[in-house]
Amino acid sequence: MFLEVLGSALLGFALAWAAAHRLPDRLPVRVIVLVTGTLGGVFGALVTHGALGPGHFLATLIGAVAVAAVLLSLLVRPASRRLRRSAAM
């Protein structure tokens, strides 16, 4: 269980670092992104381990990465290039 949590935290951190590196203008402060990815990976590992039980190391890591990716996607802001139109013209 310890290796699952450690591995999922590292995978969540790596995913968050890649997202922060790839989309710096669409994400909040880098520290928030890195913490969200890491905690999302740990939370995903705990939920997946609780659902599947012990003995599913690879599936637990996949679930951790999926939950971390979902949480990171909630932080993404729309691109600033969009034109906003007023409802009252």
PDB file of N, CA and C in Angstrom:
ATOM      1  N   MET A   1       0.824  -1.190   0.000  1.00  0.00           N
ATOM      2  CA  MET A   1       0.000   0.000   0.000  1.00  0.00           C
ATOM      3  C   MET A   1       0.868   1.255   0.000  1.00  0.00           C
ATOM      4  N   PHE A   2       1.973   1.230   0.737  1.00  0.00           N
ATOM      5  CA  PHE A   2       2.849   2.396   0.790  1.00  0.00           C
ATOM      6  C   PHE A   2       3.432   2.709  -0.584  1.00  0.00           C
ATOM      7  N   LEU A   3       3.831   1.688  -1.319  1.00  0.00           N
ATOM      8  CA  LEU A   3       4.393   1.912  -2.650  1.00  0.00           C
ATOM      9  C   LEU A   3       3.343   2.447  -3.622  1.00  0.00           C
ATOM     10  N   GLU A   4       2.099   2.008  -3.460  1.00  0.00           N
ATOM     11  CA  GLU A   4       1.025   2.522  -4.304  1.00  0.00           C
ATOM     12  C   GLU A   4       0.819   4.011  -4.065  1.00  0.00           C
ATOM     13  N   VAL A   5       0.803   4.409  -2.800  1.00  0.00           N
ATOM     14  CA  VAL A   5       0.590   5.826  -2.477  1.00  0.00           C
ATOM     15  C   VAL A   5       1.780   6.662  -2.929  1.00  0.00           C
ATOM     16  N   LEU A   6       2.979   6.180  -2.696  1.00  0.00           N
ATOM     17  CA  LEU A   6       4.168   6.909  -3.118  1.00  0.00           C
ATOM     18  C   LEU A   6       4.236   7.029  -4.641  1.00  0.00           C
ATOM     19  N   GLY A   7       3.969   5.934  -5.330  1.00  0.00           N
ATOM     20  CA  GLY A   7       3.982   5.961  -6.793  1.00  0.00           C
ATOM     21  C   GLY A   7       2.901   6.857  -7.363  1.00  0.00           C
ATOM     22  N   SER A   8       1.731   6.827  -6.764  1.00  0.00           N
ATOM     23  CA  SER A   8       0.645   7.674  -7.261  1.00  0.00           C
ATOM     24  C   SER A   8       0.919   9.146  -6.979  1.00  0.00           C
ATOM     25  N   ALA A   9       1.551   9.449  -5.850  1.00  0.00           N
ATOM     26  CA  ALA A   9       1.916  10.839  -5.559  1.00  0.00           C
ATOM     27  C   ALA A   9       2.950  11.334  -6.572  1.00  0.00           C
ATOM     28  N   LEU A  10       3.930  10.499  -6.906  1.00  0.00           N
ATOM     29  CA  LEU A  10       4.924  10.883  -7.893  1.00  0.00           C
ATOM     30  C   LEU A  10       4.322  11.042  -9.284  1.00  0.00           C
ATOM     31  N   LEU A  11       3.407  10.151  -9.651  1.00  0.00           N
ATOM     32  CA  LEU A  11       2.750  10.270 -10.950  1.00  0.00           C
ATOM     33  C   LEU A  11       1.859  11.508 -11.014  1.00  0.00           C
ATOM     34  N   GLY A  12       1.144  11.799  -9.931  1.00  0.00           N
ATOM     35  CA  GLY A  12       0.324  13.000  -9.890  1.00  0.00           C
ATOM     36  C   GLY A  12       1.163  14.255  -9.965  1.00  0.00           C
ATOM     37  N   PHE A  13       2.299  14.252  -9.282  1.00  0.00           N
ATOM     38  CA  PHE A  13       3.214  15.391  -9.336  1.00  0.00           C
ATOM     39  C   PHE A  13       3.772  15.565 -10.744  1.00  0.00           C
ATOM     40  N   ALA A  14       4.151  14.474 -11.390  1.00  0.00           N
ATOM     41  CA  ALA A  14       4.688  14.550 -12.752  1.00  0.00           C
ATOM     42  C   ALA A  14       3.625  15.056 -13.731  1.00  0.00           C
ATOM     43  N   LEU A  15       2.410  14.599 -13.574  1.00  0.00           N
ATOM     44  CA  LEU A  15       1.317  15.066 -14.429  1.00  0.00           C
ATOM     45  C   LEU A  15       1.058  16.552 -14.213  1.00  0.00           C
ATOM     46  N   ALA A  16       1.079  16.983 -12.969  1.00  0.00           N
ATOM     47  CA  ALA A  16       0.869  18.398 -12.658  1.00  0.00           C
ATOM     48  C   ALA A  16       2.018  19.248 -13.183  1.00  0.00           C
ATOM     49  N   TRP A  17       3.245  18.762 -13.065  1.00  0.00           N
ATOM     50  CA  TRP A  17       4.383  19.510 -13.587  1.00  0.00           C
ATOM     51  C   TRP A  17       4.284  19.655 -15.097  1.00  0.00           C
ATOM     52  N   ALA A  18       3.893  18.577 -15.780  1.00  0.00           N
ATOM     53  CA  ALA A  18       3.744  18.635 -17.237  1.00  0.00           C
ATOM     54  C   ALA A  18       2.632  19.612 -17.627  1.00  0.00           C
ATOM     55  N   ALA A  19       1.534  19.601 -16.893  1.00  0.00           N
ATOM     56  CA  ALA A  19       0.441  20.528 -17.189  1.00  0.00           C
ATOM     57  C   ALA A  19       0.856  21.964 -16.931  1.00  0.00           C
ATOM     58  N   ALA A  20       1.564  22.208 -15.836  1.00  0.00           N
ATOM     59  CA  ALA A  20       2.013  23.562 -15.522  1.00  0.00           C
ATOM     60  C   ALA A  20       3.049  24.046 -16.527  1.00  0.00           C
ATOM     61  N   HIS A  21       3.846  23.139 -17.038  1.00  0.00           N
ATOM     62  CA  HIS A  21       4.850  23.503 -18.032  1.00  0.00           C
ATOM     63  C   HIS A  21       4.212  23.753 -19.399  1.00  0.00           C
ATOM     64  N   ARG A  22       3.189  22.968 -19.716  1.00  0.00           N
ATOM     65  CA  ARG A  22       2.544  23.062 -21.035  1.00  0.00           C
ATOM     66  C   ARG A  22       1.535  24.203 -21.119  1.00  0.00           C
ATOM     67  N   LEU A  23       0.811  24.483 -20.034  1.00  0.00           N
ATOM     68  CA  LEU A  23      -0.251  25.497 -20.033  1.00  0.00           C
ATOM     69  C   LEU A  23      -0.045  26.539 -18.936  1.00  0.00           C
ATOM     70  N   PRO A  24       1.051  27.253 -18.931  1.00  0.00           N
ATOM     71  CA  PRO A  24       1.279  28.180 -17.814  1.00  0.00           C
ATOM     72  C   PRO A  24       0.315  29.358 -17.782  1.00  0.00           C
ATOM     73  N   ASP A  25      -0.192  29.776 -18.944  1.00  0.00           N
ATOM     74  CA  ASP A  25      -1.081  30.929 -18.982  1.00  0.00           C
ATOM     75  C   ASP A  25      -2.530  30.586 -18.659  1.00  0.00           C
ATOM     76  N   ARG A  26      -2.877  29.317 -18.674  1.00  0.00           N
ATOM     77  CA  ARG A  26      -4.263  28.913 -18.431  1.00  0.00           C
ATOM     78  C   ARG A  26      -4.480  28.264 -17.068  1.00  0.00           C
ATOM     79  N   LEU A  27      -3.415  28.147 -16.278  1.00  0.00           N
ATOM     80  CA  LEU A  27      -3.514  27.545 -14.952  1.00  0.00           C
ATOM     81  C   LEU A  27      -3.168  28.579 -13.883  1.00  0.00           C
ATOM     82  N   PRO A  28      -3.652  28.369 -12.659  1.00  0.00           N
ATOM     83  CA  PRO A  28      -3.273  29.292 -11.579  1.00  0.00           C
ATOM     84  C   PRO A  28      -1.804  29.114 -11.192  1.00  0.00           C
ATOM     85  N   VAL A  29      -1.430  29.627 -10.057  1.00  0.00           N
ATOM     86  CA  VAL A  29      -0.050  29.590  -9.579  1.00  0.00           C
ATOM     87  C   VAL A  29       0.476  28.151  -9.595  1.00  0.00           C
ATOM     88  N   ARG A  30       1.738  27.998  -9.963  1.00  0.00           N
ATOM     89  CA  ARG A  30       2.342  26.676 -10.128  1.00  0.00           C
ATOM     90  C   ARG A  30       2.264  25.828  -8.865  1.00  0.00           C
ATOM     91  N   VAL A  31       2.404  26.438  -7.696  1.00  0.00           N
ATOM     92  CA  VAL A  31       2.358  25.685  -6.434  1.00  0.00           C
ATOM     93  C   VAL A  31       0.985  25.027  -6.260  1.00  0.00           C
ATOM     94  N   ILE A  32      -0.063  25.747  -6.584  1.00  0.00           N
ATOM     95  CA  ILE A  32      -1.418  25.189  -6.462  1.00  0.00           C
ATOM     96  C   ILE A  32      -1.594  24.013  -7.412  1.00  0.00           C
ATOM     97  N   VAL A  33      -1.074  24.134  -8.609  1.00  0.00           N
ATOM     98  CA  VAL A  33      -1.187  23.060  -9.594  1.00  0.00           C
ATOM     99  C   VAL A  33      -0.432  21.817  -9.125  1.00  0.00           C
ATOM    100  N   LEU A  34       0.780  21.998  -8.622  1.00  0.00           N
ATOM    101  CA  LEU A  34       1.582  20.856  -8.176  1.00  0.00           C
ATOM    102  C   LEU A  34       0.963  20.158  -6.967  1.00  0.00           C
ATOM    103  N   VAL A  35       0.438  20.936  -6.032  1.00  0.00           N
ATOM    104  CA  VAL A  35      -0.203  20.337  -4.857  1.00  0.00           C
ATOM    105  C   VAL A  35      -1.492  19.613  -5.254  1.00  0.00           C
ATOM    106  N   THR A  36      -2.262  20.208  -6.157  1.00  0.00           N
ATOM    107  CA  THR A  36      -3.507  19.570  -6.603  1.00  0.00           C
ATOM    108  C   THR A  36      -3.223  18.257  -7.316  1.00  0.00           C
ATOM    109  N   GLY A  37      -2.225  18.226  -8.164  1.00  0.00           N
ATOM    110  CA  GLY A  37      -1.881  16.988  -8.867  1.00  0.00           C
ATOM    111  C   GLY A  37      -1.400  15.901  -7.924  1.00  0.00           C
ATOM    112  N   THR A  38      -0.570  16.281  -6.963  1.00  0.00           N
ATOM    113  CA  THR A  38      -0.046  15.299  -6.010  1.00  0.00           C
ATOM    114  C   THR A  38      -1.158  14.744  -5.124  1.00  0.00           C
ATOM    115  N   LEU A  39      -1.962  15.625  -4.555  1.00  0.00           N
ATOM    116  CA  LEU A  39      -3.053  15.162  -3.695  1.00  0.00           C
ATOM    117  C   LEU A  39      -4.123  14.423  -4.488  1.00  0.00           C
ATOM    118  N   GLY A  40      -4.344  14.832  -5.725  1.00  0.00           N
ATOM    119  CA  GLY A  40      -5.283  14.104  -6.578  1.00  0.00           C
ATOM    120  C   GLY A  40      -4.819  12.690  -6.858  1.00  0.00           C
ATOM    121  N   GLY A  41      -3.511  12.530  -7.063  1.00  0.00           N
ATOM    122  CA  GLY A  41      -2.970  11.185  -7.267  1.00  0.00           C
ATOM    123  C   GLY A  41      -3.115  10.311  -6.041  1.00  0.00           C
ATOM    124  N   VAL A  42      -2.840  10.881  -4.868  1.00  0.00           N
ATOM    125  CA  VAL A  42      -2.972  10.113  -3.619  1.00  0.00           C
ATOM    126  C   VAL A  42      -4.437   9.758  -3.364  1.00  0.00           C
ATOM    127  N   PHE A  43      -5.323  10.730  -3.548  1.00  0.00           N
ATOM    128  CA  PHE A  43      -6.747  10.460  -3.344  1.00  0.00           C
ATOM    129  C   PHE A  43      -7.258   9.417  -4.342  1.00  0.00           C
ATOM    130  N   GLY A  44      -6.822   9.518  -5.580  1.00  0.00           N
ATOM    131  CA  GLY A  44      -7.217   8.532  -6.585  1.00  0.00           C
ATOM    132  C   GLY A  44      -6.718   7.140  -6.256  1.00  0.00           C
ATOM    133  N   ALA A  45      -5.510   7.051  -5.713  1.00  0.00           N
ATOM    134  CA  ALA A  45      -4.980   5.740  -5.318  1.00  0.00           C
ATOM    135  C   ALA A  45      -5.780   5.155  -4.166  1.00  0.00           C
ATOM    136  N   LEU A  46      -6.131   5.985  -3.202  1.00  0.00           N
ATOM    137  CA  LEU A  46      -6.910   5.473  -2.070  1.00  0.00           C
ATOM    138  C   LEU A  46      -8.296   5.016  -2.494  1.00  0.00           C
ATOM    139  N   VAL A  47      -8.931   5.785  -3.364  1.00  0.00           N
ATOM    140  CA  VAL A  47     -10.266   5.401  -3.835  1.00  0.00           C
ATOM    141  C   VAL A  47     -10.196   4.132  -4.682  1.00  0.00           C
ATOM    142  N   THR A  48      -9.229   4.068  -5.588  1.00  0.00           N
ATOM    143  CA  THR A  48      -9.101   2.887  -6.444  1.00  0.00           C
ATOM    144  C   THR A  48      -8.714   1.660  -5.636  1.00  0.00           C
ATOM    145  N   HIS A  49      -7.817   1.813  -4.680  1.00  0.00           N
ATOM    146  CA  HIS A  49      -7.430   0.686  -3.834  1.00  0.00           C
ATOM    147  C   HIS A  49      -8.617   0.213  -2.994  1.00  0.00           C
ATOM    148  N   GLY A  50      -9.412   1.150  -2.511  1.00  0.00           N
ATOM    149  CA  GLY A  50     -10.593   0.771  -1.743  1.00  0.00           C
ATOM    150  C   GLY A  50     -11.638   0.061  -2.592  1.00  0.00           C
ATOM    151  N   ALA A  51     -11.745   0.440  -3.850  1.00  0.00           N
ATOM    152  CA  ALA A  51     -12.735  -0.183  -4.730  1.00  0.00           C
ATOM    153  C   ALA A  51     -12.280  -1.555  -5.228  1.00  0.00           C
ATOM    154  N   LEU A  52     -11.004  -1.686  -5.567  1.00  0.00           N
ATOM    155  CA  LEU A  52     -10.512  -2.933  -6.151  1.00  0.00           C
ATOM    156  C   LEU A  52      -9.938  -3.898  -5.131  1.00  0.00           C
ATOM    157  N   GLY A  53      -9.411  -3.364  -4.038  1.00  0.00           N
ATOM    158  CA  GLY A  53      -8.776  -4.212  -3.040  1.00  0.00           C
ATOM    159  C   GLY A  53      -7.291  -4.360  -3.321  1.00  0.00           C
ATOM    160  N   PRO A  54      -6.603  -5.083  -2.456  1.00  0.00           N
ATOM    161  CA  PRO A  54      -5.155  -5.251  -2.631  1.00  0.00           C
ATOM    162  C   PRO A  54      -4.831  -6.159  -3.818  1.00  0.00           C
ATOM    163  N   GLY A  55      -3.629  -5.992  -4.347  1.00  0.00           N
ATOM    164  CA  GLY A  55      -3.183  -6.862  -5.431  1.00  0.00           C
ATOM    165  C   GLY A  55      -3.387  -6.290  -6.821  1.00  0.00           C
ATOM    166  N   HIS A  56      -3.841  -5.071  -6.930  1.00  0.00           N
ATOM    167  CA  HIS A  56      -4.070  -4.446  -8.231  1.00  0.00           C
ATOM    168  C   HIS A  56      -3.214  -3.186  -8.339  1.00  0.00           C
ATOM    169  N   PHE A  57      -1.916  -3.371  -8.336  1.00  0.00           N
ATOM    170  CA  PHE A  57      -0.980  -2.246  -8.299  1.00  0.00           C
ATOM    171  C   PHE A  57      -1.111  -1.358  -9.529  1.00  0.00           C
ATOM    172  N   LEU A  58      -1.092  -1.938 -10.720  1.00  0.00           N
ATOM    173  CA  LEU A  58      -1.150  -1.161 -11.950  1.00  0.00           C
ATOM    174  C   LEU A  58      -2.501  -0.450 -12.098  1.00  0.00           C
ATOM    175  N   ALA A  59      -3.577  -1.144 -11.773  1.00  0.00           N
ATOM    176  CA  ALA A  59      -4.910  -0.515 -11.862  1.00  0.00           C
ATOM    177  C   ALA A  59      -5.041   0.631 -10.865  1.00  0.00           C
ATOM    178  N   THR A  60      -4.428   0.489  -9.714  1.00  0.00           N
ATOM    179  CA  THR A  60      -4.455   1.564  -8.716  1.00  0.00           C
ATOM    180  C   THR A  60      -3.714   2.793  -9.232  1.00  0.00           C
ATOM    181  N   LEU A  61      -2.583   2.593  -9.874  1.00  0.00           N
ATOM    182  CA  LEU A  61      -1.834   3.722 -10.423  1.00  0.00           C
ATOM    183  C   LEU A  61      -2.592   4.383 -11.574  1.00  0.00           C
ATOM    184  N   ILE A  62      -3.261   3.598 -12.382  1.00  0.00           N
ATOM    185  CA  ILE A  62      -4.061   4.160 -13.470  1.00  0.00           C
ATOM    186  C   ILE A  62      -5.217   4.981 -12.915  1.00  0.00           C
ATOM    187  N   GLY A  63      -5.869   4.476 -11.889  1.00  0.00           N
ATOM    188  CA  GLY A  63      -6.939   5.233 -11.245  1.00  0.00           C
ATOM    189  C   GLY A  63      -6.435   6.510 -10.613  1.00  0.00           C
ATOM    190  N   ALA A  64      -5.248   6.471 -10.039  1.00  0.00           N
ATOM    191  CA  ALA A  64      -4.664   7.666  -9.421  1.00  0.00           C
ATOM    192  C   ALA A  64      -4.375   8.730 -10.465  1.00  0.00           C
ATOM    193  N   VAL A  65      -3.831   8.328 -11.599  1.00  0.00           N
ATOM    194  CA  VAL A  65      -3.532   9.286 -12.665  1.00  0.00           C
ATOM    195  C   VAL A  65      -4.828   9.853 -13.235  1.00  0.00           C
ATOM    196  N   ALA A  66      -5.857   9.025 -13.343  1.00  0.00           N
ATOM    197  CA  ALA A  66      -7.139   9.506 -13.867  1.00  0.00           C
ATOM    198  C   ALA A  66      -7.754  10.557 -12.948  1.00  0.00           C
ATOM    199  N   VAL A  67      -7.747  10.315 -11.654  1.00  0.00           N
ATOM    200  CA  VAL A  67      -8.314  11.284 -10.715  1.00  0.00           C
ATOM    201  C   VAL A  67      -7.477  12.565 -10.686  1.00  0.00           C
ATOM    202  N   ALA A  68      -6.163  12.446 -10.739  1.00  0.00           N
ATOM    203  CA  ALA A  68      -5.305  13.626 -10.768  1.00  0.00           C
ATOM    204  C   ALA A  68      -5.559  14.450 -12.029  1.00  0.00           C
ATOM    205  N   ALA A  69      -5.754  13.782 -13.153  1.00  0.00           N
ATOM    206  CA  ALA A  69      -6.026  14.499 -14.401  1.00  0.00           C
ATOM    207  C   ALA A  69      -7.373  15.217 -14.345  1.00  0.00           C
ATOM    208  N   VAL A  70      -8.362  14.586 -13.743  1.00  0.00           N
ATOM    209  CA  VAL A  70      -9.670  15.229 -13.618  1.00  0.00           C
ATOM    210  C   VAL A  70      -9.578  16.456 -12.723  1.00  0.00           C
ATOM    211  N   LEU A  71      -8.896  16.339 -11.605  1.00  0.00           N
ATOM    212  CA  LEU A  71      -8.758  17.493 -10.712  1.00  0.00           C
ATOM    213  C   LEU A  71      -7.958  18.624 -11.360  1.00  0.00           C
ATOM    214  N   LEU A  72      -6.933  18.273 -12.112  1.00  0.00           N
ATOM    215  CA  LEU A  72      -6.168  19.312 -12.796  1.00  0.00           C
ATOM    216  C   LEU A  72      -6.981  19.977 -13.897  1.00  0.00           C
ATOM    217  N   SER A  73      -7.852  19.219 -14.532  1.00  0.00           N
ATOM    218  CA  SER A  73      -8.682  19.818 -15.582  1.00  0.00           C
ATOM    219  C   SER A  73      -9.669  20.831 -15.014  1.00  0.00           C
ATOM    220  N   LEU A  74     -10.011  20.691 -13.741  1.00  0.00           N
ATOM    221  CA  LEU A  74     -10.906  21.666 -13.118  1.00  0.00           C
ATOM    222  C   LEU A  74     -10.214  23.006 -12.875  1.00  0.00           C
ATOM    223  N   LEU A  75      -8.902  23.025 -12.883  1.00  0.00           N
ATOM    224  CA  LEU A  75      -8.158  24.262 -12.665  1.00  0.00           C
ATOM    225  C   LEU A  75      -7.945  25.069 -13.940  1.00  0.00           C
ATOM    226  N   VAL A  76      -8.143  24.460 -15.101  1.00  0.00           N
ATOM    227  CA  VAL A  76      -7.863  25.124 -16.370  1.00  0.00           C
ATOM    228  C   VAL A  76      -8.879  26.227 -16.621  1.00  0.00           C
ATOM    229  N   ARG A  77      -8.363  27.415 -16.943  1.00  0.00           N
ATOM    230  CA  ARG A  77      -9.209  28.565 -17.270  1.00  0.00           C
ATOM    231  C   ARG A  77      -9.342  28.661 -18.785  1.00  0.00           C
ATOM    232  N   PRO A  78     -10.410  29.301 -19.262  1.00  0.00           N
ATOM    233  CA  PRO A  78     -10.547  29.476 -20.715  1.00  0.00           C
ATOM    234  C   PRO A  78      -9.420  30.337 -21.273  1.00  0.00           C
ATOM    235  N   ALA A  79      -9.141  30.149 -22.538  1.00  0.00           N
ATOM    236  CA  ALA A  79      -8.100  30.945 -23.188  1.00  0.00           C
ATOM    237  C   ALA A  79      -8.536  32.401 -23.241  1.00  0.00           C
ATOM    238  N   SER A  80      -7.591  33.295 -23.131  1.00  0.00           N
ATOM    239  CA  SER A  80      -7.913  34.723 -23.108  1.00  0.00           C
ATOM    240  C   SER A  80      -8.137  35.285 -24.506  1.00  0.00           C
ATOM    241  N   ARG A  81      -7.991  34.486 -25.522  1.00  0.00           N
ATOM    242  CA  ARG A  81      -8.151  34.952 -26.895  1.00  0.00           C
ATOM    243  C   ARG A  81      -9.603  35.057 -27.326  1.00  0.00           C
ATOM    244  N   ARG A  82     -10.524  34.545 -26.556  1.00  0.00           N
ATOM    245  CA  ARG A  82     -11.935  34.578 -26.941  1.00  0.00           C
ATOM    246  C   ARG A  82     -12.480  35.997 -26.886  1.00  0.00           C
ATOM    247  N   LEU A  83     -13.337  36.277 -27.815  1.00  0.00           N
ATOM    248  CA  LEU A  83     -14.028  37.562 -27.819  1.00  0.00           C
ATOM    249  C   LEU A  83     -15.310  37.405 -27.019  1.00  0.00           C
ATOM    250  N   ARG A  84     -15.515  38.300 -26.102  1.00  0.00           N
ATOM    251  CA  ARG A  84     -16.731  38.255 -25.305  1.00  0.00           C
ATOM    252  C   ARG A  84     -17.699  39.297 -25.834  1.00  0.00           C
ATOM    253  N   ARG A  85     -18.909  38.871 -26.015  1.00  0.00           N
ATOM    254  CA  ARG A  85     -19.916  39.781 -26.512  1.00  0.00           C
ATOM    255  C   ARG A  85     -20.923  40.056 -25.412  1.00  0.00           C
ATOM    256  N   SER A  86     -21.386  41.225 -25.414  1.00  0.00           N
ATOM    257  CA  SER A  86     -22.381  41.617 -24.429  1.00  0.00           C
ATOM    258  C   SER A  86     -23.743  41.046 -24.826  1.00  0.00           C
ATOM    259  N   ALA A  87     -24.548  40.712 -23.846  1.00  0.00           N
ATOM    260  CA  ALA A  87     -25.879  40.192 -24.129  1.00  0.00           C
ATOM    261  C   ALA A  87     -26.797  41.309 -24.625  1.00  0.00           C
ATOM    262  N   ALA A  88     -26.562  42.517 -24.176  1.00  0.00           N
ATOM    263  CA  ALA A  88     -27.380  43.663 -24.599  1.00  0.00           C
ATOM    264  C   ALA A  88     -26.642  44.428 -25.682  1.00  0.00           C
ATOM    265  N   MET A  89     -27.151  44.386 -26.901  1.00  0.00           N
ATOM    266  CA  MET A  89     -26.504  45.094 -28.002  1.00  0.00           C
ATOM    267  C   MET A  89     -27.271  46.302 -28.384  1.00  0.00           C
TER     268      MET A  89
END
